[in-house]
N, C-alpha and C. Protein backbone atom coordinates (compact mmCIF):
# COMPACT_ATOMS: atom_id res chain seq x y z
N GLY A 1 -12.26 0.49 21.77
CA GLY A 1 -11.07 0.98 22.05
C GLY A 1 -11.04 0.96 23.56
N HIS A 2 -9.81 0.96 24.15
CA HIS A 2 -9.46 1.04 25.53
C HIS A 2 -10.19 0.15 26.44
N GLY A 3 -10.22 0.15 27.70
CA GLY A 3 -11.04 -0.56 28.47
C GLY A 3 -10.11 -1.15 29.72
N GLY A 4 -10.64 -1.70 30.85
CA GLY A 4 -9.91 -2.36 31.85
C GLY A 4 -8.85 -1.14 32.46
N THR A 5 -7.64 -1.20 32.51
CA THR A 5 -6.63 -0.31 33.10
C THR A 5 -6.23 0.66 32.05
N GLU A 6 -6.78 0.90 30.96
CA GLU A 6 -6.98 1.66 29.84
C GLU A 6 -7.93 2.75 29.95
N ASP A 7 -8.02 3.81 30.47
CA ASP A 7 -9.17 4.71 30.33
C ASP A 7 -9.24 5.36 29.04
N GLY A 8 -8.42 5.78 28.31
CA GLY A 8 -8.37 6.43 27.23
C GLY A 8 -8.68 7.95 27.49
N ALA A 9 -9.11 8.78 26.87
CA ALA A 9 -9.35 10.06 27.06
C ALA A 9 -10.37 10.24 28.31
N THR A 10 -10.25 11.39 29.05
CA THR A 10 -11.00 11.54 30.13
C THR A 10 -11.34 13.19 30.14
N ALA A 11 -12.67 13.20 30.50
CA ALA A 11 -13.07 14.66 30.70
C ALA A 11 -14.22 14.77 31.85
N VAL A 12 -14.30 16.05 32.51
CA VAL A 12 -15.15 15.97 33.37
C VAL A 12 -16.43 17.07 32.80
N TYR A 13 -17.54 16.24 32.89
CA TYR A 13 -18.88 17.03 32.42
C TYR A 13 -19.79 17.02 33.45
N ASP A 14 -20.18 18.14 33.77
CA ASP A 14 -21.31 18.54 34.82
C ASP A 14 -21.03 17.93 36.07
N GLY A 15 -19.63 17.87 36.35
CA GLY A 15 -19.16 17.44 37.70
C GLY A 15 -18.86 15.83 37.68
N THR A 16 -19.00 15.23 36.55
CA THR A 16 -18.82 13.95 36.63
C THR A 16 -17.63 13.56 35.67
N LEU A 17 -16.85 12.64 36.00
CA LEU A 17 -15.61 12.17 35.17
C LEU A 17 -16.16 11.27 34.25
N ILE A 18 -15.85 11.43 32.94
CA ILE A 18 -16.35 10.77 31.68
C ILE A 18 -15.01 10.07 31.30
N ARG A 19 -15.16 8.75 31.14
CA ARG A 19 -14.05 7.84 30.72
C ARG A 19 -14.31 7.46 29.29
N GLU A 20 -13.45 7.67 28.42
CA GLU A 20 -13.61 7.17 27.08
C GLU A 20 -13.81 5.77 26.94
N LYS A 21 -13.21 5.07 27.69
CA LYS A 21 -13.47 3.36 27.68
C LYS A 21 -14.85 3.01 27.93
N ASP A 22 -15.77 3.88 28.58
CA ASP A 22 -17.13 3.69 28.95
C ASP A 22 -17.82 4.00 27.89
N LEU A 23 -17.59 5.20 27.34
CA LEU A 23 -18.37 5.89 26.08
C LEU A 23 -18.16 4.64 24.87
N ASN A 24 -16.88 4.21 24.84
CA ASN A 24 -16.74 3.39 23.61
C ASN A 24 -17.50 1.96 23.71
N LEU A 25 -17.50 1.66 24.91
CA LEU A 25 -18.49 0.46 25.09
C LEU A 25 -19.90 0.73 24.91
N ILE A 26 -20.29 1.58 25.43
CA ILE A 26 -21.76 1.92 25.15
C ILE A 26 -22.04 2.13 23.63
N ILE A 27 -21.09 2.88 22.72
CA ILE A 27 -21.15 3.08 21.42
C ILE A 27 -21.10 1.55 20.78
N ALA A 28 -20.21 0.84 21.15
CA ALA A 28 -19.99 -0.51 20.76
C ALA A 28 -21.20 -1.34 20.67
N ASP A 29 -22.03 -1.41 22.00
CA ASP A 29 -23.06 -2.09 22.27
C ASP A 29 -24.30 -1.77 21.22
N ALA A 30 -24.42 -0.29 21.23
CA ALA A 30 -25.46 0.32 20.30
C ALA A 30 -25.12 -0.09 18.71
N LEU A 31 -24.02 -0.05 18.33
CA LEU A 31 -23.69 -0.36 17.21
C LEU A 31 -23.81 -2.05 16.71
N ARG A 32 -23.48 -2.68 17.80
CA ARG A 32 -23.76 -4.19 17.58
C ARG A 32 -25.34 -4.50 17.38
N ASP A 33 -26.18 -3.86 18.16
CA ASP A 33 -27.58 -3.91 18.27
C ASP A 33 -27.93 -3.39 16.82
N GLU A 34 -27.58 -2.44 16.28
CA GLU A 34 -28.18 -2.01 15.10
C GLU A 34 -27.53 -2.80 13.79
N LEU A 35 -26.23 -3.29 13.98
CA LEU A 35 -25.92 -4.15 12.62
C LEU A 35 -26.47 -5.39 12.89
N LEU A 36 -27.01 -6.04 13.98
CA LEU A 36 -27.67 -7.27 13.96
C LEU A 36 -29.16 -7.05 13.38
N THR A 37 -29.58 -6.14 12.98
CA THR A 37 -30.96 -5.97 12.46
C THR A 37 -30.82 -6.30 11.01
N TYR A 38 -29.63 -6.41 10.20
CA TYR A 38 -29.55 -6.70 9.00
C TYR A 38 -29.14 -8.19 8.73
N ASP A 39 -29.79 -8.53 7.62
CA ASP A 39 -29.70 -10.00 7.49
C ASP A 39 -28.24 -10.20 6.98
N GLY A 40 -27.83 -11.63 7.32
CA GLY A 40 -26.32 -11.89 7.08
C GLY A 40 -25.39 -11.38 7.91
N VAL A 41 -25.66 -10.60 8.63
CA VAL A 41 -24.56 -9.86 9.48
C VAL A 41 -24.47 -10.46 10.98
N THR A 42 -23.08 -10.74 11.13
CA THR A 42 -22.67 -11.27 12.47
C THR A 42 -21.56 -10.28 13.02
N VAL A 43 -21.91 -10.32 14.58
CA VAL A 43 -20.93 -9.21 15.01
C VAL A 43 -20.34 -9.91 16.29
N CYS A 44 -19.04 -9.54 16.31
CA CYS A 44 -18.32 -10.16 17.65
C CYS A 44 -17.50 -8.91 18.09
N LEU A 45 -17.75 -8.56 19.53
CA LEU A 45 -17.24 -7.56 20.08
C LEU A 45 -15.85 -8.04 20.67
N THR A 46 -14.64 -7.35 20.81
CA THR A 46 -13.28 -7.57 21.14
C THR A 46 -13.44 -7.69 22.53
N ARG A 47 -14.45 -6.88 23.41
CA ARG A 47 -14.54 -6.79 24.62
C ARG A 47 -16.19 -6.56 24.94
N GLU A 48 -16.75 -7.06 26.00
CA GLU A 48 -18.13 -6.96 26.32
C GLU A 48 -18.19 -6.36 27.68
N SER A 49 -17.29 -6.04 28.29
CA SER A 49 -17.18 -5.51 29.56
C SER A 49 -16.00 -4.66 30.04
N ASP A 50 -15.80 -3.96 31.01
CA ASP A 50 -14.53 -3.20 31.26
C ASP A 50 -13.32 -4.14 31.54
N GLN A 51 -12.59 -4.46 30.43
CA GLN A 51 -11.65 -5.17 30.56
C GLN A 51 -10.49 -4.76 29.54
N THR A 52 -9.30 -5.02 29.84
CA THR A 52 -7.89 -4.74 29.07
C THR A 52 -7.79 -5.78 27.93
N VAL A 53 -7.81 -5.19 26.58
CA VAL A 53 -7.68 -6.17 25.58
C VAL A 53 -6.53 -5.31 24.60
N SER A 54 -5.42 -5.91 24.44
CA SER A 54 -4.46 -5.33 23.77
C SER A 54 -4.89 -5.18 22.27
N LEU A 55 -4.03 -4.38 21.62
CA LEU A 55 -4.42 -4.08 20.13
C LEU A 55 -4.05 -5.42 19.27
N ALA A 56 -3.00 -6.15 19.63
CA ALA A 56 -2.66 -7.50 19.13
C ALA A 56 -3.88 -8.54 19.45
N ASP A 57 -4.31 -8.45 20.60
CA ASP A 57 -5.40 -9.38 20.78
C ASP A 57 -6.68 -9.13 20.14
N ARG A 58 -6.95 -7.84 19.98
CA ARG A 58 -7.89 -7.31 19.11
C ARG A 58 -7.99 -7.88 17.60
N THR A 59 -6.79 -7.70 17.01
CA THR A 59 -6.47 -8.22 15.94
C THR A 59 -6.73 -9.79 15.80
N ALA A 60 -6.09 -10.28 16.66
CA ALA A 60 -6.22 -11.94 16.73
C ALA A 60 -7.64 -12.26 17.00
N ILE A 61 -8.58 -11.56 17.79
CA ILE A 61 -10.05 -11.99 17.83
C ILE A 61 -10.62 -12.08 16.17
N ALA A 62 -10.43 -10.67 15.81
CA ALA A 62 -10.96 -10.40 14.40
C ALA A 62 -10.39 -11.71 13.51
N ASP A 63 -9.13 -12.04 13.38
CA ASP A 63 -8.73 -12.99 12.53
C ASP A 63 -9.21 -14.39 12.90
N GLU A 64 -9.46 -14.72 14.26
CA GLU A 64 -9.98 -16.07 14.81
C GLU A 64 -11.62 -16.04 14.24
N HIS A 65 -12.20 -15.02 14.12
CA HIS A 65 -13.73 -14.99 13.59
C HIS A 65 -13.69 -14.82 12.11
N GLN A 66 -12.63 -14.84 11.38
CA GLN A 66 -12.71 -14.34 9.99
C GLN A 66 -13.42 -13.28 9.71
N SER A 67 -13.31 -12.31 10.54
CA SER A 67 -13.91 -10.91 10.25
C SER A 67 -13.77 -10.18 8.91
N ASP A 68 -14.64 -9.63 8.11
CA ASP A 68 -14.32 -8.84 7.05
C ASP A 68 -14.09 -7.48 7.36
N LEU A 69 -14.26 -7.12 8.73
CA LEU A 69 -14.18 -5.70 8.89
C LEU A 69 -13.84 -5.67 10.66
N LEU A 70 -12.99 -4.97 11.05
CA LEU A 70 -12.80 -4.28 12.29
C LEU A 70 -13.02 -2.83 12.62
N ILE A 71 -13.88 -2.57 13.44
CA ILE A 71 -14.23 -1.39 13.83
C ILE A 71 -13.74 -1.02 15.16
N SER A 72 -12.86 -0.01 15.08
CA SER A 72 -12.21 0.20 16.34
C SER A 72 -12.86 1.86 16.82
N ILE A 73 -13.54 1.75 17.98
CA ILE A 73 -14.39 2.94 18.27
C ILE A 73 -13.47 3.81 19.37
N HIS A 74 -13.13 4.81 19.18
CA HIS A 74 -12.43 5.93 19.98
C HIS A 74 -13.17 7.23 20.02
N ASN A 75 -12.97 8.00 21.29
CA ASN A 75 -13.53 9.27 21.54
C ASN A 75 -12.29 10.14 21.77
N ASN A 76 -12.10 11.36 21.07
CA ASN A 76 -10.95 12.21 21.37
C ASN A 76 -11.34 13.17 22.31
N ALA A 77 -10.47 13.88 22.92
CA ALA A 77 -10.77 14.74 23.90
C ALA A 77 -9.84 16.05 23.52
N GLU A 78 -10.01 17.21 24.01
CA GLU A 78 -8.91 18.34 23.67
C GLU A 78 -7.63 18.00 24.14
N GLY A 79 -6.64 18.38 23.54
CA GLY A 79 -5.26 17.99 23.98
C GLY A 79 -4.32 18.01 22.97
N ASP A 80 -2.99 17.58 23.18
CA ASP A 80 -1.93 17.81 22.32
C ASP A 80 -1.55 16.44 21.62
N ALA A 81 -2.41 15.47 21.47
CA ALA A 81 -2.15 14.16 20.83
C ALA A 81 -2.13 14.58 19.24
N GLN A 82 -1.00 14.24 18.81
CA GLN A 82 -0.73 14.01 17.27
C GLN A 82 -1.80 13.84 16.31
N ASP A 83 -2.28 14.28 15.58
CA ASP A 83 -3.15 14.22 14.24
C ASP A 83 -4.76 14.18 14.94
N TYR A 84 -4.95 14.43 16.11
CA TYR A 84 -6.29 14.36 16.61
C TYR A 84 -6.61 15.72 17.27
N THR A 85 -7.94 16.04 17.00
CA THR A 85 -8.50 17.06 17.79
C THR A 85 -9.72 16.55 18.41
N SER A 86 -10.55 17.39 19.29
CA SER A 86 -11.74 16.76 19.82
C SER A 86 -12.61 16.86 18.74
N GLY A 87 -13.56 15.83 19.02
CA GLY A 87 -14.69 15.51 18.04
C GLY A 87 -14.58 14.26 17.30
N THR A 88 -15.35 14.03 16.41
CA THR A 88 -15.45 12.42 15.84
C THR A 88 -14.73 12.50 14.52
N SER A 89 -13.95 11.49 14.40
CA SER A 89 -13.35 11.20 13.29
C SER A 89 -13.14 9.63 13.15
N VAL A 90 -13.11 9.28 11.63
CA VAL A 90 -12.99 7.70 11.34
C VAL A 90 -11.53 7.61 10.65
N LEU A 91 -10.93 6.69 11.38
CA LEU A 91 -9.59 6.26 10.89
C LEU A 91 -9.76 5.17 9.85
N VAL A 92 -9.03 5.31 8.74
CA VAL A 92 -9.33 4.47 7.62
C VAL A 92 -7.80 4.11 6.98
N SER A 93 -7.58 3.00 6.54
CA SER A 93 -6.47 2.61 5.69
C SER A 93 -6.26 3.91 4.73
N ASP A 94 -4.50 3.91 4.48
CA ASP A 94 -4.12 4.82 3.62
C ASP A 94 -4.06 4.25 2.05
N GLY A 95 -4.14 2.88 2.02
CA GLY A 95 -4.24 2.33 0.77
C GLY A 95 -2.72 1.95 0.15
N GLN A 96 -1.67 1.99 0.71
CA GLN A 96 -0.59 1.71 0.36
C GLN A 96 -0.15 0.24 0.14
N TYR A 97 -1.16 -0.49 0.67
CA TYR A 97 -1.04 -2.07 0.45
C TYR A 97 -2.04 -2.67 -0.20
N PHE A 98 -3.21 -2.50 0.14
CA PHE A 98 -4.53 -3.02 -0.67
C PHE A 98 -5.23 -1.56 -1.07
N PRO A 99 -4.94 -1.08 -2.18
CA PRO A 99 -5.69 0.12 -2.55
C PRO A 99 -7.28 -0.02 -2.77
N GLU A 100 -7.54 -1.17 -3.25
CA GLU A 100 -8.98 -1.36 -3.63
C GLU A 100 -9.85 -1.74 -2.17
N LEU A 101 -9.08 -2.39 -1.25
CA LEU A 101 -9.79 -2.57 0.04
C LEU A 101 -9.83 -1.25 0.84
N ALA A 102 -8.93 -0.36 0.67
CA ALA A 102 -8.65 0.89 1.21
C ALA A 102 -9.90 1.89 0.69
N ALA A 103 -10.21 1.69 -0.59
CA ALA A 103 -11.10 2.62 -1.35
C ALA A 103 -12.50 2.05 -0.59
N CYS A 104 -12.89 0.82 -0.37
CA CYS A 104 -14.18 0.21 0.18
C CYS A 104 -14.24 0.86 1.73
N GLU A 105 -13.12 0.89 2.44
CA GLU A 105 -12.95 1.06 3.77
C GLU A 105 -13.27 2.66 3.99
N ALA A 106 -12.78 3.36 2.93
CA ALA A 106 -13.13 5.07 2.90
C ALA A 106 -14.48 5.27 2.78
N SER A 107 -15.01 4.65 1.67
CA SER A 107 -16.48 4.64 1.34
C SER A 107 -17.35 4.24 2.60
N LEU A 108 -17.10 3.37 3.34
CA LEU A 108 -17.70 2.93 4.54
C LEU A 108 -17.63 3.79 5.69
N GLY A 109 -16.18 4.30 5.74
CA GLY A 109 -15.97 5.42 6.71
C GLY A 109 -16.67 6.73 6.50
N GLU A 110 -17.00 7.07 5.18
CA GLU A 110 -17.62 8.35 5.15
C GLU A 110 -19.30 8.11 5.43
N LEU A 111 -19.72 6.74 5.27
CA LEU A 111 -21.00 6.49 5.62
C LEU A 111 -21.17 6.60 7.18
N ILE A 112 -20.00 6.16 7.78
CA ILE A 112 -20.10 5.98 9.31
C ILE A 112 -20.08 7.37 9.84
N ASN A 113 -19.22 8.09 9.29
CA ASN A 113 -18.88 9.66 9.50
C ASN A 113 -20.28 10.34 9.51
N GLU A 114 -21.13 10.31 8.19
CA GLU A 114 -22.37 11.00 8.12
C GLU A 114 -23.31 10.65 9.29
N GLU A 115 -23.36 9.33 9.71
CA GLU A 115 -24.37 8.73 10.62
C GLU A 115 -23.86 9.35 12.12
N LEU A 116 -22.75 9.55 12.23
CA LEU A 116 -22.19 10.06 13.62
C LEU A 116 -22.52 11.53 13.54
N HIS A 117 -22.47 12.13 12.51
CA HIS A 117 -22.75 13.49 12.74
C HIS A 117 -24.23 14.01 12.74
N ARG A 118 -25.01 12.91 12.57
CA ARG A 118 -26.56 13.34 12.51
C ARG A 118 -26.96 13.49 14.02
N GLY A 119 -25.97 13.25 14.78
CA GLY A 119 -26.33 13.29 16.65
C GLY A 119 -26.17 14.66 16.93
N PRO A 120 -26.78 15.18 17.95
CA PRO A 120 -26.33 16.40 18.62
C PRO A 120 -25.20 16.56 19.25
N GLY A 121 -24.48 17.73 19.00
CA GLY A 121 -23.22 17.92 19.90
C GLY A 121 -21.91 17.42 19.35
N THR A 122 -22.17 16.69 18.05
CA THR A 122 -20.84 15.99 17.37
C THR A 122 -20.14 17.08 16.62
N ARG A 123 -18.82 16.87 16.67
CA ARG A 123 -17.98 17.94 15.97
C ARG A 123 -17.26 17.29 14.69
N PRO A 124 -17.64 17.14 13.56
CA PRO A 124 -17.07 16.38 12.50
C PRO A 124 -15.55 16.79 12.19
N ARG A 125 -14.93 15.78 12.09
CA ARG A 125 -13.36 15.83 11.95
C ARG A 125 -13.06 15.05 10.46
N GLY A 126 -13.88 14.31 10.09
CA GLY A 126 -13.53 13.61 8.69
C GLY A 126 -12.87 12.36 8.76
N LEU A 127 -12.25 11.81 7.68
CA LEU A 127 -11.64 10.60 7.83
C LEU A 127 -10.22 11.00 8.24
N LEU A 128 -9.52 10.03 8.95
CA LEU A 128 -8.37 10.22 9.33
C LEU A 128 -7.33 8.86 8.90
N ARG A 129 -6.28 9.27 8.08
CA ARG A 129 -5.30 8.27 7.75
C ARG A 129 -4.09 8.61 8.72
N ARG A 130 -3.60 7.49 9.29
CA ARG A 130 -2.45 7.54 9.95
C ARG A 130 -1.70 6.52 9.85
N LEU A 131 -0.40 6.51 9.55
CA LEU A 131 0.70 5.47 9.29
C LEU A 131 1.37 5.26 10.47
N SER A 132 1.81 3.82 10.53
CA SER A 132 2.71 3.46 11.68
C SER A 132 4.25 4.04 11.41
N ALA A 133 4.81 4.40 12.51
CA ALA A 133 6.08 4.89 12.35
C ALA A 133 7.14 3.83 12.39
N SER A 134 6.77 2.39 12.73
CA SER A 134 7.65 1.52 12.63
C SER A 134 7.37 0.42 12.18
N SER A 135 6.25 0.05 11.66
CA SER A 135 5.83 -1.10 10.96
C SER A 135 5.56 -1.11 9.41
N THR A 136 5.92 -1.99 8.81
CA THR A 136 5.88 -1.82 7.27
C THR A 136 5.03 -3.17 6.50
N TYR A 137 4.35 -2.92 5.61
CA TYR A 137 3.77 -4.08 4.89
C TYR A 137 4.97 -4.79 3.96
N PRO A 138 4.72 -5.93 3.66
CA PRO A 138 5.61 -6.87 2.88
C PRO A 138 6.16 -6.08 1.50
N ASN A 139 5.24 -5.05 0.99
CA ASN A 139 5.68 -4.38 -0.27
C ASN A 139 6.75 -3.20 0.34
N GLY A 140 6.80 -3.10 1.60
CA GLY A 140 8.09 -2.02 2.11
C GLY A 140 7.22 -0.79 2.45
N ALA A 141 5.94 -0.50 2.02
CA ALA A 141 5.11 0.71 2.42
C ALA A 141 4.88 0.72 3.86
N PRO A 142 4.95 1.96 4.50
CA PRO A 142 4.32 2.04 5.95
C PRO A 142 3.10 1.28 6.24
N ALA A 143 3.10 0.69 7.17
CA ALA A 143 1.65 0.06 7.61
C ALA A 143 0.82 0.98 8.12
N ASP A 144 -0.52 0.85 7.92
CA ASP A 144 -1.52 1.59 8.75
C ASP A 144 -1.32 1.52 10.08
N TYR A 145 -1.69 2.45 10.88
CA TYR A 145 -1.65 2.47 12.31
C TYR A 145 -3.11 2.39 12.95
N PRO A 146 -3.58 1.53 13.81
CA PRO A 146 -2.73 0.36 14.02
C PRO A 146 -3.38 -0.70 12.72
N ALA A 147 -2.49 -1.61 12.43
CA ALA A 147 -2.93 -2.64 11.29
C ALA A 147 -4.04 -3.24 11.79
N ARG A 148 -4.97 -3.34 10.86
CA ARG A 148 -6.42 -3.73 11.35
C ARG A 148 -6.40 -5.31 11.34
N PHE A 149 -5.80 -6.07 10.48
CA PHE A 149 -5.70 -7.30 10.49
C PHE A 149 -4.46 -7.79 10.50
N SER A 150 -4.03 -9.11 10.71
CA SER A 150 -2.64 -9.61 10.46
C SER A 150 -2.52 -9.76 8.67
N ARG A 151 -1.39 -9.57 8.44
CA ARG A 151 -0.97 -9.90 6.98
C ARG A 151 -1.51 -11.01 6.34
N ARG A 152 -1.25 -12.23 7.16
CA ARG A 152 -1.90 -13.55 6.73
C ARG A 152 -3.39 -13.43 6.24
N HIS A 153 -4.03 -12.85 7.43
CA HIS A 153 -5.55 -12.78 7.24
C HIS A 153 -5.82 -11.93 6.06
N ARG A 154 -5.27 -10.85 5.76
CA ARG A 154 -5.71 -10.03 4.75
C ARG A 154 -5.36 -10.71 3.34
N ARG A 155 -4.47 -11.18 3.17
CA ARG A 155 -4.02 -12.13 2.14
C ARG A 155 -5.41 -13.16 1.70
N THR A 156 -5.59 -13.76 2.97
CA THR A 156 -6.52 -14.90 2.85
C THR A 156 -8.06 -14.35 2.55
N ARG A 157 -8.34 -13.31 3.16
CA ARG A 157 -9.53 -12.77 2.92
C ARG A 157 -9.98 -12.07 1.60
N LEU A 158 -8.73 -11.61 0.97
CA LEU A 158 -8.90 -10.90 -0.34
C LEU A 158 -8.99 -12.01 -1.41
N SER A 159 -8.28 -13.20 -1.19
CA SER A 159 -8.45 -14.19 -2.35
C SER A 159 -9.79 -15.08 -2.07
N ARG A 160 -10.47 -14.71 -1.29
CA ARG A 160 -11.84 -15.64 -1.25
C ARG A 160 -12.86 -14.75 -2.29
């Protein structure tokens, strides 16, 4: 998440400005390295440096690589942002369009959450389900925010 012109959350720690975009890239690099230790796993990062990549472009990158999963990494800070508080949380689909896929995503989200909370200084916030205020799925249900994959890709991947 974030990058380039989008700092994301910021905080000063021990006199140093900490930017969410920098933390996210460090975590993404570590996650990539860990995932690559498993057989049959391929990892594609949507950014590998401090560059701006839109949500639409991130989704397009996942579609282009026929990804089975898109993990969006963010770090929250104290503030008034809706549905968020400081600490770690894992955003997952609400399941209004693909309930079976959402159930698998929630199971993976719980595992990610458990692993995140093994580290020192983390504040667990659990799974977070958030719906779009303006987008809907073809069945009329509110879309997840942000939609993880294009509608075309979701149908294609589920039929394989």
